[in-house]
C-alpha atoms as a PDB file:
ATOM      1  CA  MET A   1      15.566  53.584  20.299  1.00  0.00           C
ATOM      2  CA  SER A   2      16.124  52.476  16.735  1.00  0.00           C
ATOM      3  CA  GLU A   3      17.005  48.831  16.711  1.00  0.00           C
ATOM      4  CA  GLU A   4      18.085  47.826  13.221  1.00  0.00           C
ATOM      5  CA  ARG A   5      16.335  44.730  11.947  1.00  0.00           C
ATOM      6  CA  GLY A   6      17.389  42.830   8.875  1.00  0.00           C
ATOM      7  CA  GLU A   7      15.932  39.812   7.145  1.00  0.00           C
ATOM      8  CA  ALA A   8      12.887  38.256   8.838  1.00  0.00           C
ATOM      9  CA  GLY A   9      13.081  40.888  11.617  1.00  0.00           C
ATOM     10  CA  LEU A  10      16.242  39.406  13.123  1.00  0.00           C
ATOM     11  CA  THR A  11      18.295  41.961  15.028  1.00  0.00           C
ATOM     12  CA  HIS A  12      21.625  40.215  14.374  1.00  0.00           C
ATOM     13  CA  LEU A  13      21.283  40.776  10.633  1.00  0.00           C
ATOM     14  CA  ASP A  14      21.614  44.177   9.012  1.00  0.00           C
ATOM     15  CA  SER A  15      19.415  45.405   6.160  1.00  0.00           C
ATOM     16  CA  GLU A  16      21.628  43.559   3.683  1.00  0.00           C
ATOM     17  CA  GLY A  17      21.492  40.256   5.583  1.00  0.00           C
ATOM     18  CA  ARG A  18      24.982  40.479   7.066  1.00  0.00           C
ATOM     19  CA  ALA A  19      25.631  39.435  10.664  1.00  0.00           C
ATOM     20  CA  HIS A  20      26.451  42.251  13.059  1.00  0.00           C
ATOM     21  CA  MET A  21      26.484  42.979  16.759  1.00  0.00           C
ATOM     22  CA  VAL A  22      23.291  44.713  17.894  1.00  0.00           C
ATOM     23  CA  ASP A  23      23.767  48.271  19.169  1.00  0.00           C
ATOM     24  CA  VAL A  24      22.202  48.356  22.645  1.00  0.00           C
ATOM     25  CA  GLY A  25      23.593  51.789  23.532  1.00  0.00           C
ATOM     26  CA  ALA A  26      20.195  53.494  23.549  1.00  0.00           C
ATOM     27  CA  LYS A  27      18.567  50.862  25.745  1.00  0.00           C
ATOM     28  CA  ARG A  28      17.959  51.522  29.426  1.00  0.00           C
ATOM     29  CA  ALA A  29      19.980  49.389  31.864  1.00  0.00           C
ATOM     30  CA  THR A  30      17.701  47.108  33.895  1.00  0.00           C
ATOM     31  CA  GLN A  31      18.145  44.116  36.146  1.00  0.00           C
ATOM     32  CA  ARG A  32      18.242  40.946  34.042  1.00  0.00           C
ATOM     33  CA  GLU A  33      18.136  37.279  34.980  1.00  0.00           C
ATOM     34  CA  ALA A  34      18.111  34.051  32.999  1.00  0.00           C
ATOM     35  CA  ILE A  35      17.755  30.457  34.145  1.00  0.00           C
ATOM     36  CA  ALA A  36      18.739  27.596  31.857  1.00  0.00           C
ATOM     37  CA  ARG A  37      18.494  23.866  32.384  1.00  0.00           C
ATOM     38  CA  GLY A  38      19.868  20.676  30.893  1.00  0.00           C
ATOM     39  CA  ALA A  39      20.682  17.073  31.741  1.00  0.00           C
ATOM     40  CA  VAL A  40      23.330  14.414  31.350  1.00  0.00           C
ATOM     41  CA  THR A  41      21.890  10.892  31.227  1.00  0.00           C
ATOM     42  CA  MET A  42      24.137   7.955  32.059  1.00  0.00           C
ATOM     43  CA  ARG A  43      24.248   4.380  33.287  1.00  0.00           C
ATOM     44  CA  PRO A  44      23.134   3.948  36.920  1.00  0.00           C
ATOM     45  CA  GLU A  45      26.612   2.647  37.786  1.00  0.00           C
ATOM     46  CA  THR A  46      28.182   5.850  36.479  1.00  0.00           C
ATOM     47  CA  LEU A  47      25.816   7.986  38.542  1.00  0.00           C
ATOM     48  CA  ASP A  48      26.706   5.920  41.619  1.00  0.00           C
ATOM     49  CA  LEU A  49      30.438   6.491  41.015  1.00  0.00           C
ATOM     50  CA  ILE A  50      29.910  10.250  40.654  1.00  0.00           C
ATOM     51  CA  LEU A  51      27.745  10.545  43.748  1.00  0.00           C
ATOM     52  CA  GLY A  52      30.111   8.345  45.731  1.00  0.00           C
ATOM     53  CA  GLY A  53      33.094  10.512  44.801  1.00  0.00           C
ATOM     54  CA  ALA A  54      34.777   7.533  43.141  1.00  0.00           C
ATOM     55  CA  MET A  55      35.447   8.891  39.646  1.00  0.00           C
ATOM     56  CA  PRO A  56      39.126   8.619  38.721  1.00  0.00           C
ATOM     57  CA  LYS A  57      39.330  12.285  37.607  1.00  0.00           C
ATOM     58  CA  GLY A  58      38.023  13.657  40.919  1.00  0.00           C
ATOM     59  CA  ASP A  59      34.955  15.532  42.165  1.00  0.00           C
ATOM     60  CA  VAL A  60      32.844  15.685  39.004  1.00  0.00           C
ATOM     61  CA  LEU A  61      30.101  17.881  40.446  1.00  0.00           C
ATOM     62  CA  ALA A  62      32.440  20.518  41.908  1.00  0.00           C
ATOM     63  CA  VAL A  63      34.508  20.767  38.734  1.00  0.00           C
ATOM     64  CA  ALA A  64      31.392  20.963  36.521  1.00  0.00           C
ATOM     65  CA  ARG A  65      29.884  23.735  38.674  1.00  0.00           C
ATOM     66  CA  VAL A  66      33.059  25.814  38.452  1.00  0.00           C
ATOM     67  CA  ALA A  67      33.381  25.140  34.705  1.00  0.00           C
ATOM     68  CA  GLY A  68      29.814  26.324  34.152  1.00  0.00           C
ATOM     69  CA  ILE A  69      30.375  29.538  36.084  1.00  0.00           C
ATOM     70  CA  MET A  70      33.613  30.212  34.212  1.00  0.00           C
ATOM     71  CA  ALA A  71      31.824  29.584  30.907  1.00  0.00           C
ATOM     72  CA  ALA A  72      29.080  32.084  31.741  1.00  0.00           C
ATOM     73  CA  LYS A  73      31.761  34.726  32.284  1.00  0.00           C
ATOM     74  CA  ARG A  74      33.454  33.918  28.961  1.00  0.00           C
ATOM     75  CA  THR A  75      30.384  33.599  26.733  1.00  0.00           C
ATOM     76  CA  PRO A  76      31.306  36.521  24.424  1.00  0.00           C
ATOM     77  CA  GLU A  77      34.571  34.736  23.614  1.00  0.00           C
ATOM     78  CA  LEU A  78      32.592  31.708  22.402  1.00  0.00           C
ATOM     79  CA  ILE A  79      29.460  33.203  20.815  1.00  0.00           C
ATOM     80  CA  PRO A  80      30.629  35.794  18.255  1.00  0.00           C
ATOM     81  CA  LEU A  81      27.823  38.367  18.500  1.00  0.00           C
ATOM     82  CA  CYS A  82      27.287  38.337  22.278  1.00  0.00           C
ATOM     83  CA  HIS A  83      27.987  41.497  24.228  1.00  0.00           C
ATOM     84  CA  THR A  84      30.560  41.518  27.002  1.00  0.00           C
ATOM     85  CA  LEU A  85      28.548  41.869  30.219  1.00  0.00           C
ATOM     86  CA  LEU A  86      29.455  42.538  33.816  1.00  0.00           C
ATOM     87  CA  LEU A  87      27.726  39.621  35.523  1.00  0.00           C
ATOM     88  CA  THR A  88      26.499  40.279  39.033  1.00  0.00           C
ATOM     89  CA  HIS A  89      25.719  36.617  39.730  1.00  0.00           C
ATOM     90  CA  ALA A  90      26.375  33.231  38.166  1.00  0.00           C
ATOM     91  CA  SER A  91      25.554  29.920  39.800  1.00  0.00           C
ATOM     92  CA  VAL A  92      25.292  26.333  38.644  1.00  0.00           C
ATOM     93  CA  THR A  93      23.493  23.602  40.558  1.00  0.00           C
ATOM     94  CA  ILE A  94      23.627  19.919  39.699  1.00  0.00           C
ATOM     95  CA  GLU A  95      21.122  17.510  41.190  1.00  0.00           C
ATOM     96  CA  PRO A  96      20.918  13.753  40.698  1.00  0.00           C
ATOM     97  CA  ASP A  97      17.776  12.139  39.324  1.00  0.00           C
ATOM     98  CA  ARG A  98      18.194   8.475  40.185  1.00  0.00           C
ATOM     99  CA  GLN A  99      14.965   7.445  38.459  1.00  0.00           C
ATOM    100  CA  ALA A 100      16.167   8.890  35.146  1.00  0.00           C
ATOM    101  CA  SER A 101      19.808   8.012  35.888  1.00  0.00           C
ATOM    102  CA  ALA A 102      20.776  11.591  35.144  1.00  0.00           C
ATOM    103  CA  LEU A 103      22.344  14.729  36.504  1.00  0.00           C
ATOM    104  CA  LEU A 104      20.064  17.747  36.170  1.00  0.00           C
ATOM    105  CA  ILE A 105      21.915  21.024  35.633  1.00  0.00           C
ATOM    106  CA  GLU A 106      20.548  24.506  36.296  1.00  0.00           C
ATOM    107  CA  ALA A 107      22.358  27.802  35.767  1.00  0.00           C
ATOM    108  CA  THR A 108      21.181  31.194  37.009  1.00  0.00           C
ATOM    109  CA  VAL A 109      22.866  34.324  35.697  1.00  0.00           C
ATOM    110  CA  ARG A 110      22.151  37.980  36.572  1.00  0.00           C
ATOM    111  CA  THR A 111      23.343  41.383  35.465  1.00  0.00           C
ATOM    112  CA  THR A 112      22.231  44.978  35.444  1.00  0.00           C
ATOM    113  CA  GLY A 113      22.628  46.042  31.874  1.00  0.00           C
ATOM    114  CA  GLN A 114      21.220  46.832  28.480  1.00  0.00           C
ATOM    115  CA  THR A 115      20.903  43.275  27.199  1.00  0.00           C
ATOM    116  CA  GLY A 116      19.928  39.915  28.642  1.00  0.00           C
ATOM    117  CA  VAL A 117      21.940  36.995  29.968  1.00  0.00           C
ATOM    118  CA  GLU A 118      20.182  34.091  28.254  1.00  0.00           C
ATOM    119  CA  MET A 119      23.277  33.063  26.306  1.00  0.00           C
ATOM    120  CA  GLU A 120      25.411  33.141  29.445  1.00  0.00           C
ATOM    121  CA  ALA A 121      22.999  30.822  31.285  1.00  0.00           C
ATOM    122  CA  LEU A 122      22.764  28.441  28.308  1.00  0.00           C
ATOM    123  CA  THR A 123      26.543  28.423  27.918  1.00  0.00           C
ATOM    124  CA  ALA A 124      26.986  27.654  31.633  1.00  0.00           C
ATOM    125  CA  VAL A 125      24.684  24.617  31.389  1.00  0.00           C
ATOM    126  CA  SER A 126      26.333  23.416  28.179  1.00  0.00           C
ATOM    127  CA  VAL A 127      29.879  23.615  29.533  1.00  0.00           C
ATOM    128  CA  ALA A 128      28.898  22.030  32.859  1.00  0.00           C
ATOM    129  CA  ALA A 129      27.372  19.133  30.889  1.00  0.00           C
ATOM    130  CA  LEU A 130      30.454  18.816  28.683  1.00  0.00           C
ATOM    131  CA  THR A 131      32.659  18.791  31.781  1.00  0.00           C
ATOM    132  CA  ILE A 132      30.618  15.952  33.283  1.00  0.00           C
ATOM    133  CA  TYR A 133      30.978  14.043  30.028  1.00  0.00           C
ATOM    134  CA  ASP A 134      34.720  14.683  29.863  1.00  0.00           C
ATOM    135  CA  MET A 135      35.327  13.573  33.440  1.00  0.00           C
ATOM    136  CA  CYS A 136      33.242  10.401  33.077  1.00  0.00           C
ATOM    137  CA  LYS A 137      33.750   9.286  29.475  1.00  0.00           C
ATOM    138  CA  ALA A 138      36.382   6.717  30.438  1.00  0.00           C
ATOM    139  CA  VAL A 139      33.739   4.714  32.314  1.00  0.00           C
ATOM    140  CA  ASP A 140      30.618   5.548  30.252  1.00  0.00           C
ATOM    141  CA  ARG A 141      30.911   6.616  26.630  1.00  0.00           C
ATOM    142  CA  ALA A 142      27.144   6.210  26.169  1.00  0.00           C
ATOM    143  CA  MET A 143      26.286   9.278  28.274  1.00  0.00           C
ATOM    144  CA  ARG A 144      23.901  11.708  26.601  1.00  0.00           C
ATOM    145  CA  ILE A 145      23.769  15.464  26.952  1.00  0.00           C
ATOM    146  CA  GLY A 146      20.343  16.864  26.280  1.00  0.00           C
ATOM    147  CA  ASP A 147      17.335  19.023  26.886  1.00  0.00           C
ATOM    148  CA  ILE A 148      19.396  22.201  27.183  1.00  0.00           C
ATOM    149  CA  ARG A 149      16.969  25.085  27.147  1.00  0.00           C
ATOM    150  CA  LEU A 150      16.095  28.499  28.506  1.00  0.00           C
ATOM    151  CA  ALA A 151      13.653  28.001  31.377  1.00  0.00           C
ATOM    152  CA  GLU A 152      13.071  31.570  32.594  1.00  0.00           C
ATOM    153  CA  LYS A 153      14.150  35.129  31.908  1.00  0.00           C
ATOM    154  CA  ARG A 154      13.396  38.417  33.619  1.00  0.00           C
ATOM    155  CA  GLY A 155      14.040  42.041  32.765  1.00  0.00           C
ATOM    156  CA  GLY A 156      14.296  44.056  29.636  1.00  0.00           C
ATOM    157  CA  ARG A 157      11.584  44.894  27.161  1.00  0.00           C
ATOM    158  CA  SER A 158       9.912  41.461  27.268  1.00  0.00           C
ATOM    159  CA  GLY A 159       9.716  41.396  31.087  1.00  0.00           C
ATOM    160  CA  GLU A 160       9.217  37.995  32.671  1.00  0.00           C
ATOM    161  CA  VAL A 161       9.119  34.888  30.481  1.00  0.00           C
ATOM    162  CA  ILE A 162       8.539  31.479  32.076  1.00  0.00           C
ATOM    163  CA  LEU A 163       9.002  28.617  29.630  1.00  0.00           C
ATOM    164  CA  GLU A 164       8.669  25.734  32.101  1.00  0.00           C
END
């Protein structure tokens, strides 16, 4: 397996420093999983409206979950150098944290393939958070999207990585 590495050992740069899609053709297909997390912080009143199903635009949590799953499936259309992957699983959960006045988002994405699904999980969390913001901005423009990060990944050359 000859994985071309450009400047600073980055695989998305060729030897001349130009961006390119990494050739994963020689890699063995393995089961891959990534879990990403993030949060949307808001006023307590906004969280109450969401949880009570009283937002004018409808069921915020259901729409955000579906938006996140759809985003995971469309990641290569948004991130230029991502490979198109056949996802075997994509889920988004959203749990309230009343103490922090936030919605905690978690996305889990799986595939059997030659490259990982970290970007798909991160994209799912990001779009779910943006959907929450969009559906609630009329009542709370001070909402904050944050702490979006990769939490866990499994499979591939690096095996299991637990970041939190």
